[in-house]
Amino acid sequence: MKQRVLILCTGNSARSQMAEGLLRHLAHDRMEVYSAGTRPSTVNPYAIQAMAQREIDISGQRSKHLNEYLDQPFDTVITVCDQAAETCPIFPGRAKRIHWSFPDPAAVQGDEKAILAAFERVRDDLETKLRGWLAT
């Protein structure tokens, strides 16, 4: 049986979306990976662009509210922003909770190059963290 992983953030627009795409890519068929937010919005175009640089297409993903998953069992629930960690409900079953704090790249201001660079940094940091987690 595949491990089920849910990645949570506030808007489900950048960090959790990139983490979902990365973990699906890194875990191949070993895991079912989902993401959601406490206040979902839309997938950020810079997140899509940063992931496309790694040849990972997240353009078909959508922002989802965590309520869509409350009645589903997960092996692991990973929060990737502090606000989601504080408001994350208890999930049924044996879900292990992990919290990783990543800065919100959507909060960066500046020109397009500076904003994209922030998304690339978070993408790279997420990948490092996910690779380490998968190795354990």
C-alpha atoms as a PDB file:
ATOM      1  CA  MET A   1       0.000   0.000   0.000  1.00  0.00           C
ATOM      2  CA  LYS A   2       1.335   3.426  -0.952  1.00  0.00           C
ATOM      3  CA  GLN A   3       2.073   6.008   1.697  1.00  0.00           C
ATOM      4  CA  ARG A   4      -0.346   8.935   1.627  1.00  0.00           C
ATOM      5  CA  VAL A   5       1.158  12.375   2.201  1.00  0.00           C
ATOM      6  CA  LEU A   6      -0.659  15.697   2.563  1.00  0.00           C
ATOM      7  CA  ILE A   7       1.303  18.946   2.316  1.00  0.00           C
ATOM      8  CA  LEU A   8      -0.332  22.016   3.843  1.00  0.00           C
ATOM      9  CA  CYS A   9       0.214  25.742   3.597  1.00  0.00           C
ATOM     10  CA  THR A  10      -2.025  28.760   3.938  1.00  0.00           C
ATOM     11  CA  GLY A  11      -2.905  29.648   0.336  1.00  0.00           C
ATOM     12  CA  ASN A  12      -1.977  26.356  -1.351  1.00  0.00           C
ATOM     13  CA  SER A  13      -0.557  28.552  -4.081  1.00  0.00           C
ATOM     14  CA  ALA A  14       3.233  28.239  -3.946  1.00  0.00           C
ATOM     15  CA  ARG A  15       5.148  26.304  -1.261  1.00  0.00           C
ATOM     16  CA  SER A  16       2.719  23.405  -0.876  1.00  0.00           C
ATOM     17  CA  GLN A  17       2.096  23.239  -4.622  1.00  0.00           C
ATOM     18  CA  MET A  18       5.821  23.071  -5.386  1.00  0.00           C
ATOM     19  CA  ALA A  19       6.340  20.505  -2.609  1.00  0.00           C
ATOM     20  CA  GLU A  20       3.505  18.378  -4.015  1.00  0.00           C
ATOM     21  CA  GLY A  21       5.061  18.393  -7.478  1.00  0.00           C
ATOM     22  CA  LEU A  22       8.552  17.725  -6.152  1.00  0.00           C
ATOM     23  CA  LEU A  23       7.505  14.865  -3.882  1.00  0.00           C
ATOM     24  CA  ARG A  24       5.492  13.210  -6.645  1.00  0.00           C
ATOM     25  CA  HIS A  25       8.534  13.473  -8.884  1.00  0.00           C
ATOM     26  CA  LEU A  26      11.033  12.248  -6.266  1.00  0.00           C
ATOM     27  CA  ALA A  27       8.891   9.434  -4.835  1.00  0.00           C
ATOM     28  CA  HIS A  28       7.738   8.189  -8.234  1.00  0.00           C
ATOM     29  CA  ASP A  29       4.960   5.660  -7.605  1.00  0.00           C
ATOM     30  CA  ARG A  30       5.765   4.974  -3.943  1.00  0.00           C
ATOM     31  CA  MET A  31       3.473   7.673  -2.546  1.00  0.00           C
ATOM     32  CA  GLU A  32       0.146   9.358  -3.097  1.00  0.00           C
ATOM     33  CA  VAL A  33       0.836  13.068  -2.661  1.00  0.00           C
ATOM     34  CA  TYR A  34      -1.714  15.829  -2.131  1.00  0.00           C
ATOM     35  CA  SER A  35      -1.605  19.465  -1.067  1.00  0.00           C
ATOM     36  CA  ALA A  36      -4.131  21.855   0.409  1.00  0.00           C
ATOM     37  CA  GLY A  37      -4.422  25.163   2.220  1.00  0.00           C
ATOM     38  CA  THR A  38      -6.230  26.750   5.114  1.00  0.00           C
ATOM     39  CA  ARG A  39      -7.240  29.640   2.812  1.00  0.00           C
ATOM     40  CA  PRO A  40      -6.714  28.386  -0.742  1.00  0.00           C
ATOM     41  CA  SER A  41      -6.366  30.797  -3.630  1.00  0.00           C
ATOM     42  CA  THR A  42      -4.850  29.910  -7.026  1.00  0.00           C
ATOM     43  CA  VAL A  43      -1.583  28.301  -8.076  1.00  0.00           C
ATOM     44  CA  ASN A  44       0.982  31.064  -8.419  1.00  0.00           C
ATOM     45  CA  PRO A  45       2.362  31.454 -11.963  1.00  0.00           C
ATOM     46  CA  TYR A  46       5.884  31.898 -10.555  1.00  0.00           C
ATOM     47  CA  ALA A  47       5.571  28.512  -8.803  1.00  0.00           C
ATOM     48  CA  ILE A  48       4.573  26.964 -12.121  1.00  0.00           C
ATOM     49  CA  GLN A  49       7.521  28.672 -13.839  1.00  0.00           C
ATOM     50  CA  ALA A  50      10.059  27.649 -11.175  1.00  0.00           C
ATOM     51  CA  MET A  51       8.907  24.027 -11.355  1.00  0.00           C
ATOM     52  CA  ALA A  52       8.957  24.025 -15.169  1.00  0.00           C
ATOM     53  CA  GLN A  53      12.664  24.837 -14.934  1.00  0.00           C
ATOM     54  CA  ARG A  54      13.025  21.366 -13.356  1.00  0.00           C
ATOM     55  CA  GLU A  55      10.745  19.844 -15.999  1.00  0.00           C
ATOM     56  CA  ILE A  56       8.020  19.256 -13.412  1.00  0.00           C
ATOM     57  CA  ASP A  57       4.629  20.435 -14.640  1.00  0.00           C
ATOM     58  CA  ILE A  58       2.316  21.664 -11.893  1.00  0.00           C
ATOM     59  CA  SER A  59       0.171  23.776 -14.216  1.00  0.00           C
ATOM     60  CA  GLY A  60      -2.691  21.278 -13.917  1.00  0.00           C
ATOM     61  CA  GLN A  61      -2.741  21.386 -10.117  1.00  0.00           C
ATOM     62  CA  ARG A  62      -5.366  23.464  -8.336  1.00  0.00           C
ATOM     63  CA  SER A  63      -5.588  25.092  -4.924  1.00  0.00           C
ATOM     64  CA  LYS A  64      -7.698  23.044  -2.538  1.00  0.00           C
ATOM     65  CA  HIS A  65      -9.072  23.634   0.949  1.00  0.00           C
ATOM     66  CA  LEU A  66      -7.860  21.230   3.607  1.00  0.00           C
ATOM     67  CA  ASN A  67     -11.499  20.367   4.375  1.00  0.00           C
ATOM     68  CA  GLU A  68     -11.458  18.221   1.210  1.00  0.00           C
ATOM     69  CA  TYR A  69      -9.130  15.843   3.055  1.00  0.00           C
ATOM     70  CA  LEU A  70     -10.310  15.905   6.681  1.00  0.00           C
ATOM     71  CA  ASP A  71     -12.087  12.561   6.455  1.00  0.00           C
ATOM     72  CA  GLN A  72      -9.215  10.815   4.640  1.00  0.00           C
ATOM     73  CA  PRO A  73      -6.400   8.884   6.303  1.00  0.00           C
ATOM     74  CA  PHE A  74      -2.815  10.037   5.756  1.00  0.00           C
ATOM     75  CA  ASP A  75       0.469   8.562   6.856  1.00  0.00           C
ATOM     76  CA  THR A  76       2.149  11.957   6.982  1.00  0.00           C
ATOM     77  CA  VAL A  77       0.918  15.553   7.088  1.00  0.00           C
ATOM     78  CA  ILE A  78       3.634  18.112   6.346  1.00  0.00           C
ATOM     79  CA  THR A  79       3.080  21.811   6.983  1.00  0.00           C
ATOM     80  CA  VAL A  80       5.420  24.115   5.064  1.00  0.00           C
ATOM     81  CA  CYS A  81       4.439  27.439   6.618  1.00  0.00           C
ATOM     82  CA  ASP A  82       4.054  28.525  10.218  1.00  0.00           C
ATOM     83  CA  GLN A  83       0.457  29.723   9.935  1.00  0.00           C
ATOM     84  CA  ALA A  84      -0.737  26.381   8.537  1.00  0.00           C
ATOM     85  CA  ALA A  85       1.085  24.544  11.326  1.00  0.00           C
ATOM     86  CA  GLU A  86      -0.756  26.642  13.908  1.00  0.00           C
ATOM     87  CA  THR A  87      -4.192  26.111  12.382  1.00  0.00           C
ATOM     88  CA  CYS A  88      -3.795  22.538  11.135  1.00  0.00           C
ATOM     89  CA  PRO A  89      -6.528  20.277  12.484  1.00  0.00           C
ATOM     90  CA  ILE A  90      -6.005  16.748  13.700  1.00  0.00           C
ATOM     91  CA  PHE A  91      -6.344  14.234  10.894  1.00  0.00           C
ATOM     92  CA  PRO A  92      -7.946  10.845  11.505  1.00  0.00           C
ATOM     93  CA  GLY A  93      -5.772   7.785  11.833  1.00  0.00           C
ATOM     94  CA  ARG A  94      -2.089   7.584  12.487  1.00  0.00           C
ATOM     95  CA  ALA A  95      -0.834  10.589  10.505  1.00  0.00           C
ATOM     96  CA  LYS A  96       2.597  11.735  11.570  1.00  0.00           C
ATOM     97  CA  ARG A  97       2.845  15.523  11.608  1.00  0.00           C
ATOM     98  CA  ILE A  98       5.964  17.254  10.348  1.00  0.00           C
ATOM     99  CA  HIS A  99       6.509  21.009  10.252  1.00  0.00           C
ATOM    100  CA  TRP A 100       9.031  22.752   8.027  1.00  0.00           C
ATOM    101  CA  SER A 101       9.085  26.542   7.964  1.00  0.00           C
ATOM    102  CA  PHE A 102       9.757  28.074   4.558  1.00  0.00           C
ATOM    103  CA  PRO A 103       9.477  31.777   3.703  1.00  0.00           C
ATOM    104  CA  ASP A 104       6.621  32.797   1.445  1.00  0.00           C
ATOM    105  CA  PRO A 105       8.122  33.577  -1.966  1.00  0.00           C
ATOM    106  CA  ALA A 106       4.900  35.342  -2.958  1.00  0.00           C
ATOM    107  CA  ALA A 107       5.640  37.962  -0.293  1.00  0.00           C
ATOM    108  CA  VAL A 108       8.829  39.055  -2.054  1.00  0.00           C
ATOM    109  CA  GLN A 109       8.580  42.387  -3.780  1.00  0.00           C
ATOM    110  CA  GLY A 110      10.641  43.634  -6.663  1.00  0.00           C
ATOM    111  CA  ASP A 111      10.969  43.028 -10.345  1.00  0.00           C
ATOM    112  CA  GLU A 112      10.088  39.771 -12.073  1.00  0.00           C
ATOM    113  CA  LYS A 113      13.661  38.484 -11.807  1.00  0.00           C
ATOM    114  CA  ALA A 114      13.780  39.017  -8.018  1.00  0.00           C
ATOM    115  CA  ILE A 115      10.392  37.383  -7.491  1.00  0.00           C
ATOM    116  CA  LEU A 116      11.268  34.362  -9.617  1.00  0.00           C
ATOM    117  CA  ALA A 117      14.578  34.018  -7.755  1.00  0.00           C
ATOM    118  CA  ALA A 118      12.649  33.809  -4.461  1.00  0.00           C
ATOM    119  CA  PHE A 119      10.491  31.003  -5.861  1.00  0.00           C
ATOM    120  CA  GLU A 120      13.586  29.191  -7.127  1.00  0.00           C
ATOM    121  CA  ARG A 121      15.238  29.409  -3.678  1.00  0.00           C
ATOM    122  CA  VAL A 122      12.169  28.000  -1.941  1.00  0.00           C
ATOM    123  CA  ARG A 123      11.851  25.277  -4.595  1.00  0.00           C
ATOM    124  CA  ASP A 124      15.473  24.280  -4.063  1.00  0.00           C
ATOM    125  CA  ASP A 125      15.124  24.322  -0.266  1.00  0.00           C
ATOM    126  CA  LEU A 126      11.960  22.219  -0.479  1.00  0.00           C
ATOM    127  CA  GLU A 127      13.730  19.726  -2.712  1.00  0.00           C
ATOM    128  CA  THR A 128      16.650  19.425  -0.287  1.00  0.00           C
ATOM    129  CA  LYS A 129      14.295  18.874   2.637  1.00  0.00           C
ATOM    130  CA  LEU A 130      12.171  16.338   0.754  1.00  0.00           C
ATOM    131  CA  ARG A 131      15.210  14.388  -0.459  1.00  0.00           C
ATOM    132  CA  GLY A 132      16.508  14.194   3.115  1.00  0.00           C
ATOM    133  CA  TRP A 133      13.115  13.080   4.408  1.00  0.00           C
ATOM    134  CA  LEU A 134      12.819  10.382   1.729  1.00  0.00           C
ATOM    135  CA  ALA A 135      16.285   9.084   2.612  1.00  0.00           C
ATOM    136  CA  THR A 136      15.233   8.382   6.217  1.00  0.00           C
END
